Amino acid sequence: MRNKILTAVIFITFVNTAICQPVVTPLPVSTFISHYHLEIGYNFTTVLIFPDPVKAPDKGKSDQEFIMQKQSGVENVLILKAARRDFTSSNLHVFTASGKVYAFDVSYADSPHCTTFDLTRLDSQAVAANYTADSPIWFTGKPLAAQELADNVNRVKAFRTASFKKVKKDKIRLKLQSIRLKDDLIYFVFDLANASAITYPVDFIRLYIQDQKKDKRTSFQQNEITPYFKDTVTAIPAYSHCKYVIAVPSFTIPDNKKVLFEMYELNGGRNLKLEIKNRYLYHAKPL
C-alpha cells in the first residue's frame, strides 16, 4: 500500500513539474540584428563613422580591456583602442539618433586589417537623407560637407604664412607655418621641404599630448589626437617643397603637458618631430 501511495505521489509531482515547466521559444530569425566582426589593436586607433550622431554606445568589457570614446565636437564618430594586448573577445552595441542599433563582435589583433570604417555606406538611403555623396563627418550642431572641408583646406593653404617653429634632419625641413580656426576645428599648415637628391616618401603622421617631464620610474603618458582630416601628400620629390594640412578638434594644452607632431619616412630614418606650444594655439586666427 505504501509503495502504491509513494508511486502516486511521485507521478503527481512529475506531472505538476511538467505542466509548470515554461516553454522556451527562441526568437525568430527575422528579429536578429547582424553582427559585424571588428578587430582592434594596442598600437592602432580604430575609427567608426556612423550615418548619424551616436547616442549611447555600450560594450561588454570594461576600460581594462578596450577603450571607447567620442571625440569632443564630433557627433557621429566613435574611436576604439585596446587597453591591453590579447584581451578576451567581447561585443559592442552602438545606438544612434535615428534609433538604429549597430552590433559588433570585438576581438584583438596586433595589426588590424583595417582601422577606419565608414558605416554610412551600409545604407544608401541614410546617405541620401543626411549627407552629400561623400560627407560622412557630423560636427556638433551640423554636418560638415566634404566639399566644405576641402574648400577650407584650400583656403588655409592660400593664406599668407607665418613661421612658428621648424625642425630639420638630413636635409628635410618641417615648419609649422599657420594655424587657423573654423567650426571647432584647428587647421595646422606645415611646410615640408626636401633639400636632398632623394625623394622623401611619407609613411604616417602622429599628433599627441605627452607629459612634459618623466619620472625615472615611469614611462611617458601619451594621448593620441586623431586627425579628422590629413593631407593626401604621399611624397616630397627631391629639391622641392609642399604644404601639408591636418585638421583636429579644437583643444588647448593642459599644464605640464606638450603636444608633438611627428612625420615618419617610409622605409627610412628621416623622421621629424615638432613641438606645438600653447602660445601658438592662442595666436591662431579665424578662417
Protein backbone atom coordinates (compact mmCIF):
# COMPACT_ATOMS: atom_id res chain seq x y z
CA MET A 1 0.00 0.00 0.00
CA ARG A 2 2.81 2.34 0.95
CA ASN A 3 4.53 1.60 -2.37
CA LYS A 4 1.37 2.49 -4.30
CA ILE A 5 0.97 5.78 -2.40
CA LEU A 6 4.65 6.67 -2.97
CA THR A 7 4.35 5.88 -6.66
CA ALA A 8 1.24 8.06 -6.92
CA VAL A 9 2.97 10.97 -5.18
CA ILE A 10 5.99 10.73 -7.49
CA PHE A 11 3.71 10.57 -10.54
CA ILE A 12 1.67 13.60 -9.43
CA THR A 13 4.88 15.55 -8.68
CA PHE A 14 6.28 14.69 -12.12
CA VAL A 15 3.04 15.73 -13.86
CA ASN A 16 2.86 19.04 -11.95
CA THR A 17 6.50 19.78 -12.76
CA ALA A 18 5.94 19.04 -16.45
CA ILE A 19 2.83 21.23 -16.55
CA CYS A 20 4.55 24.16 -14.76
CA GLN A 21 7.73 23.95 -16.83
CA PRO A 22 7.79 27.09 -19.06
CA VAL A 23 8.00 26.62 -22.78
CA VAL A 24 11.24 28.17 -24.14
CA THR A 25 10.75 29.62 -27.59
CA PRO A 26 13.76 31.00 -29.49
CA LEU A 27 13.41 34.47 -31.03
CA PRO A 28 12.56 34.36 -34.73
CA VAL A 29 15.47 34.72 -37.12
CA SER A 30 13.74 37.78 -38.57
CA THR A 31 14.44 39.67 -35.30
CA PHE A 32 18.21 39.13 -35.38
CA ILE A 33 20.48 42.13 -35.96
CA SER A 34 23.57 41.31 -37.98
CA HIS A 35 26.83 41.45 -36.04
CA TYR A 36 29.98 42.81 -37.65
CA HIS A 37 33.41 41.45 -36.78
CA LEU A 38 35.75 44.21 -35.61
CA GLU A 39 39.46 43.86 -34.84
CA ILE A 40 41.19 46.47 -32.67
CA GLY A 41 44.83 46.74 -31.65
CA TYR A 42 47.01 48.13 -28.88
CA ASN A 43 49.14 50.34 -31.13
CA PHE A 44 46.33 51.26 -33.52
CA THR A 45 43.28 53.53 -33.25
CA THR A 46 40.11 52.24 -34.92
CA VAL A 47 37.61 54.83 -36.17
CA LEU A 48 33.92 54.10 -36.85
CA ILE A 49 31.89 56.70 -38.80
CA PHE A 50 28.12 56.32 -38.39
CA PRO A 51 25.31 57.74 -40.57
CA ASP A 52 24.04 59.97 -37.75
CA PRO A 53 25.04 61.04 -34.21
CA VAL A 54 25.99 58.34 -31.70
CA LYS A 55 23.81 58.48 -28.58
CA ALA A 56 24.52 55.51 -26.31
CA PRO A 57 27.33 53.05 -27.06
CA ASP A 58 27.52 50.03 -24.76
CA LYS A 59 30.32 47.48 -24.53
CA GLY A 60 30.62 44.14 -22.82
CA LYS A 61 34.07 44.84 -21.36
CA SER A 62 35.43 47.49 -19.00
CA ASP A 63 38.11 50.03 -19.91
CA GLN A 64 40.68 47.50 -18.72
CA GLU A 65 40.00 45.58 -21.94
CA PHE A 66 39.41 48.20 -24.62
CA ILE A 67 38.79 51.95 -24.68
CA MET A 68 35.83 53.52 -26.47
CA GLN A 69 35.19 57.26 -26.73
CA LYS A 70 33.63 60.04 -28.77
CA GLN A 71 35.82 62.99 -29.63
CA SER A 72 34.64 66.37 -28.38
CA GLY A 73 32.82 68.29 -31.09
CA VAL A 74 32.18 65.29 -33.34
CA GLU A 75 28.81 63.57 -33.09
CA ASN A 76 28.96 60.52 -35.33
CA VAL A 77 32.50 59.21 -34.89
CA LEU A 78 33.46 56.56 -32.35
CA ILE A 79 37.09 55.75 -31.55
CA LEU A 80 38.29 52.42 -30.13
CA LYS A 81 41.64 51.15 -28.93
CA ALA A 82 42.81 48.11 -26.99
CA ALA A 83 43.69 48.89 -23.37
CA ARG A 84 45.78 45.74 -23.16
CA ARG A 85 47.08 43.16 -25.57
CA ASP A 86 45.26 39.88 -26.23
CA PHE A 87 42.09 40.81 -24.38
CA THR A 88 39.20 38.32 -24.37
CA SER A 89 36.77 38.85 -27.24
CA SER A 90 33.67 40.87 -26.38
CA ASN A 91 30.79 42.72 -28.01
CA LEU A 92 29.78 46.32 -28.63
CA HIS A 93 26.38 47.90 -29.34
CA VAL A 94 26.07 51.43 -30.67
CA PHE A 95 22.76 53.32 -30.61
CA THR A 96 22.34 56.31 -32.92
CA ALA A 97 19.99 59.30 -33.01
CA SER A 98 17.86 57.73 -35.76
CA GLY A 99 17.03 54.78 -33.48
CA LYS A 100 19.32 52.29 -35.21
CA VAL A 101 21.44 49.74 -33.35
CA TYR A 102 24.81 48.56 -34.67
CA ALA A 103 26.24 45.35 -33.18
CA PHE A 104 29.91 44.33 -33.27
CA ASP A 105 31.88 41.31 -32.09
CA VAL A 106 35.20 42.80 -30.98
CA SER A 107 38.47 40.86 -30.91
CA TYR A 108 42.15 41.70 -30.53
CA ALA A 109 44.70 41.84 -33.34
CA ASP A 110 48.30 43.07 -33.19
CA SER A 111 47.89 44.58 -36.66
CA PRO A 112 44.21 45.03 -37.58
CA HIS A 113 43.48 44.52 -41.26
CA CYS A 114 41.55 47.81 -41.40
CA THR A 115 41.22 50.63 -38.85
CA THR A 116 38.77 53.09 -40.46
CA PHE A 117 35.17 52.16 -41.32
CA ASP A 118 32.54 54.38 -42.98
CA LEU A 119 29.25 52.79 -41.92
CA THR A 120 27.25 55.31 -43.91
CA ARG A 121 27.93 53.04 -46.87
CA LEU A 122 25.79 50.30 -45.31
CA ASP A 123 22.62 52.28 -46.01
CA SER A 124 22.44 54.28 -49.20
CA GLN A 125 19.13 55.83 -48.11
CA ALA A 126 20.75 57.23 -44.96
CA VAL A 127 23.50 58.74 -47.05
CA ALA A 128 20.99 60.37 -49.37
CA ALA A 129 18.93 61.75 -46.49
CA ASN A 130 21.75 63.13 -44.36
CA TYR A 131 24.77 63.88 -46.49
CA THR A 132 26.16 64.90 -49.79
CA ALA A 133 27.63 61.95 -51.65
CA ASP A 134 30.88 61.86 -49.67
CA SER A 135 30.35 63.81 -46.44
CA PRO A 136 30.31 61.39 -43.51
CA ILE A 137 31.52 63.63 -40.65
CA TRP A 138 28.99 65.33 -38.33
CA PHE A 139 30.39 68.12 -36.16
CA THR A 140 28.42 69.47 -33.21
CA GLY A 141 25.42 71.42 -34.49
CA LYS A 142 25.65 70.41 -38.16
CA PRO A 143 27.33 68.05 -40.62
CA LEU A 144 30.44 69.35 -42.34
CA ALA A 145 30.22 68.52 -46.04
CA ALA A 146 33.27 67.05 -47.70
CA GLN A 147 33.31 69.89 -50.23
CA GLU A 148 33.21 72.47 -47.44
CA LEU A 149 36.12 70.75 -45.73
CA ALA A 150 38.09 70.68 -48.99
CA ASP A 151 37.37 74.40 -49.51
CA ASN A 152 38.62 75.18 -46.00
CA VAL A 153 41.86 73.28 -46.66
CA ASN A 154 42.45 75.17 -49.91
CA ARG A 155 41.83 78.48 -48.14
CA VAL A 156 44.29 77.81 -45.31
CA LYS A 157 46.93 76.84 -47.86
CA ALA A 158 46.39 80.11 -49.73
CA PHE A 159 46.80 82.42 -46.72
CA ARG A 160 49.99 84.31 -46.10
CA THR A 161 52.05 82.19 -43.75
CA ALA A 162 53.92 82.92 -40.56
CA SER A 163 56.68 80.72 -39.24
CA PHE A 164 56.03 79.38 -35.74
CA LYS A 165 58.73 76.72 -35.48
CA LYS A 166 60.79 74.40 -37.65
CA VAL A 167 62.93 71.29 -37.34
CA LYS A 168 65.50 69.81 -39.73
CA LYS A 169 67.02 66.39 -40.25
CA ASP A 170 69.20 65.14 -43.11
CA LYS A 171 68.16 67.97 -45.45
CA ILE A 172 64.44 67.51 -44.70
CA ARG A 173 62.73 70.50 -43.06
CA LEU A 174 59.36 70.57 -41.32
CA LYS A 175 57.99 74.02 -40.49
CA LEU A 176 54.69 74.98 -38.83
CA GLN A 177 53.52 77.92 -40.92
CA SER A 178 49.95 78.71 -39.97
CA ILE A 179 47.14 77.84 -37.54
CA ARG A 180 43.51 78.63 -38.40
CA LEU A 181 40.19 78.03 -36.62
CA LYS A 182 36.74 77.27 -38.05
CA ASP A 183 33.72 75.22 -36.89
CA ASP A 184 35.52 73.92 -33.77
CA LEU A 185 38.37 72.65 -35.92
CA ILE A 186 42.02 73.68 -35.79
CA TYR A 187 43.81 73.61 -39.13
CA PHE A 188 47.60 73.21 -38.90
CA VAL A 189 49.53 74.14 -42.04
CA PHE A 190 53.05 72.71 -42.35
CA ASP A 191 55.68 73.38 -44.99
CA LEU A 192 57.73 70.34 -45.98
CA ALA A 193 61.00 70.95 -47.81
CA ASN A 194 63.34 68.37 -49.28
CA ALA A 195 66.82 69.79 -49.98
CA SER A 196 68.27 66.36 -50.81
CA ALA A 197 68.52 64.38 -54.05
CA ILE A 198 66.43 61.56 -52.56
CA THR A 199 62.62 61.63 -52.61
CA TYR A 200 61.02 61.67 -49.15
CA PRO A 201 58.09 59.19 -49.06
CA VAL A 202 55.64 59.93 -46.24
CA ASP A 203 54.72 56.85 -44.21
CA PHE A 204 52.42 58.24 -41.48
CA ILE A 205 51.96 61.18 -39.10
CA ARG A 206 51.19 61.36 -35.37
CA LEU A 207 49.80 64.14 -33.19
CA TYR A 208 49.65 63.51 -29.45
CA ILE A 209 49.72 65.08 -25.99
CA GLN A 210 52.58 63.99 -23.76
CA ASP A 211 53.87 64.72 -20.25
CA GLN A 212 56.49 67.47 -20.11
CA LYS A 213 58.70 65.58 -17.69
CA LYS A 214 59.12 61.91 -16.92
CA ASP A 215 59.81 60.35 -13.54
CA LYS A 216 62.70 57.88 -13.75
CA ARG A 217 60.43 55.08 -12.57
CA THR A 218 57.58 55.73 -15.01
CA SER A 219 57.04 55.98 -18.74
CA PHE A 220 55.62 58.91 -20.66
CA GLN A 221 51.83 59.10 -20.85
CA GLN A 222 50.76 59.79 -24.45
CA ASN A 223 47.24 60.61 -25.64
CA GLU A 224 46.74 60.44 -29.38
CA ILE A 225 44.84 63.26 -31.10
CA THR A 226 43.10 61.69 -34.09
CA PRO A 227 43.01 63.99 -37.14
CA TYR A 228 39.63 64.38 -38.83
CA PHE A 229 41.46 65.46 -41.93
CA LYS A 230 45.01 64.85 -43.08
CA ASP A 231 46.53 65.79 -46.39
CA THR A 232 46.95 63.36 -49.25
CA VAL A 233 50.64 64.18 -49.83
CA THR A 234 52.48 60.88 -50.12
CA ALA A 235 55.97 62.08 -51.08
CA ILE A 236 58.15 65.19 -51.35
CA PRO A 237 60.30 64.95 -54.51
CA ALA A 238 63.98 65.88 -54.45
CA TYR A 239 64.72 69.61 -54.23
CA SER A 240 61.09 70.59 -53.73
CA HIS A 241 58.64 71.61 -51.03
CA CYS A 242 54.89 71.43 -50.41
CA LYS A 243 52.25 72.35 -47.86
CA TYR A 244 50.70 69.71 -45.63
CA VAL A 245 47.44 70.31 -43.69
CA ILE A 246 45.82 68.43 -40.83
CA ALA A 247 42.58 69.36 -39.04
CA VAL A 248 41.72 68.31 -35.48
CA PRO A 249 39.01 69.24 -32.95
CA SER A 250 39.95 72.47 -31.15
CA PHE A 251 41.92 72.00 -27.93
CA THR A 252 44.41 73.67 -25.60
CA ILE A 253 47.34 72.06 -23.84
CA PRO A 254 47.00 71.19 -20.10
CA ASP A 255 49.66 72.26 -17.62
CA ASN A 256 52.76 70.05 -17.57
CA LYS A 257 51.86 68.66 -20.98
CA LYS A 258 53.10 69.27 -24.51
CA VAL A 259 51.82 68.49 -28.00
CA LEU A 260 54.08 66.79 -30.52
CA PHE A 261 53.65 66.36 -34.27
CA GLU A 262 55.67 63.60 -35.88
CA MET A 263 56.17 62.64 -39.50
CA TYR A 264 57.78 59.32 -40.43
CA GLU A 265 59.60 58.40 -43.62
CA LEU A 266 58.53 55.19 -45.35
CA ASN A 267 61.35 52.63 -45.16
CA GLY A 268 63.74 55.31 -43.96
CA GLY A 269 65.10 57.11 -40.91
CA ARG A 270 64.46 60.77 -41.69
CA ASN A 271 61.72 61.04 -39.07
CA LEU A 272 60.76 64.51 -37.83
CA LYS A 273 59.32 65.70 -34.51
CA LEU A 274 58.00 69.20 -33.83
CA GLU A 275 56.53 70.59 -30.59
CA ILE A 276 53.38 72.73 -30.78
CA LYS A 277 53.16 75.17 -27.87
CA ASN A 278 50.08 76.66 -26.21
CA ARG A 279 51.11 80.16 -27.26
CA TYR A 280 50.94 79.05 -30.88
CA LEU A 281 47.33 77.96 -30.37
CA TYR A 282 46.43 81.27 -28.71
CA HIS A 283 47.72 83.08 -31.83
CA ALA A 284 45.51 81.02 -34.14
CA LYS A 285 43.41 83.16 -36.48
CA PRO A 286 39.83 82.53 -37.63
CA LEU A 287 39.38 81.15 -41.12
